[in-house]
Amino acid sequence: MAWDFAAQIHALTGFDADSSDNTEVDETFRTMTAQWLKDAAKEVINIMPLAMLKMCSSMQTFGDVSKAPGSEAEVLNTSKVLSVFAGEYQARQIPSELKYKANDVSSLQYATSTDPVFYIESNKINVLPSGILAANLKYEEVQFPTISFDDSSIASFPDEAENLVVLKASIIALEYLLAIEEDVELYAPTLANLRQDYTQAVNALVSGQYSNPRAKETS
């Protein structure tokens, strides 16, 4: 079977990542591992180039018609919106400060059904002109994944970036072990090496030169 993330973290750090026993902070090892993997995935997503972000996105449909400025209703899950469509027309993004002008038929900046615009304000997205049916409103939004300690892959995530998630989660695990261990020399050298590996992998990812080693298999 595939070598899961908990096993990889355990091998890199000595942290018992798949144990159901409680840690010193009264959480199970596997619960902490899952959280660290999710935190690591968010960090990796936030440094991904656009081509990779496309693999972490999904097309969302508005829950209601587009609203007049000041009554926005569509709540975003993340701040990473890659594209927005009103029917067959791609909407262009405008600063939220221009939303009233874009909805004013007498303004030169008025948005139309064939030249729609969108803006993000606070944690909400809206498309103008207002009143476009929800079925015709779609936006491509990056999603942060949910990961379990015993997963061996991440859904809707580029394969070549998965190893960075394991490296980052392993760094967090070692930082935890270092915080509760009196003998600093027990974990400090390994932590330094993992941090170096992660930095090099991030630089390679950003430059487009990173290749993820295949997951190990066990019989």
Foldseek 3Di string as FASTA:
>chain_A
DFCFLQNVLCVLAVQNQPAQDADPVRHGSQVLLQVLLLVQLVVLLVLFDPVQLLLQKDKDFAPFWFDQPPPFDAFAPDPDWDWKFQAPATAAEDESVCRNLCQDPPHPNDADSNHKHWYDDDRTIGIPPTDRGRVRIMIIGGDRFRDGRGHRDTHSGDPLCSVLSSLSSSLVVLVVVCVPDPPNVVRVVSSVVSVVVNVVQSVCSNVVNTGHDDTDDDD
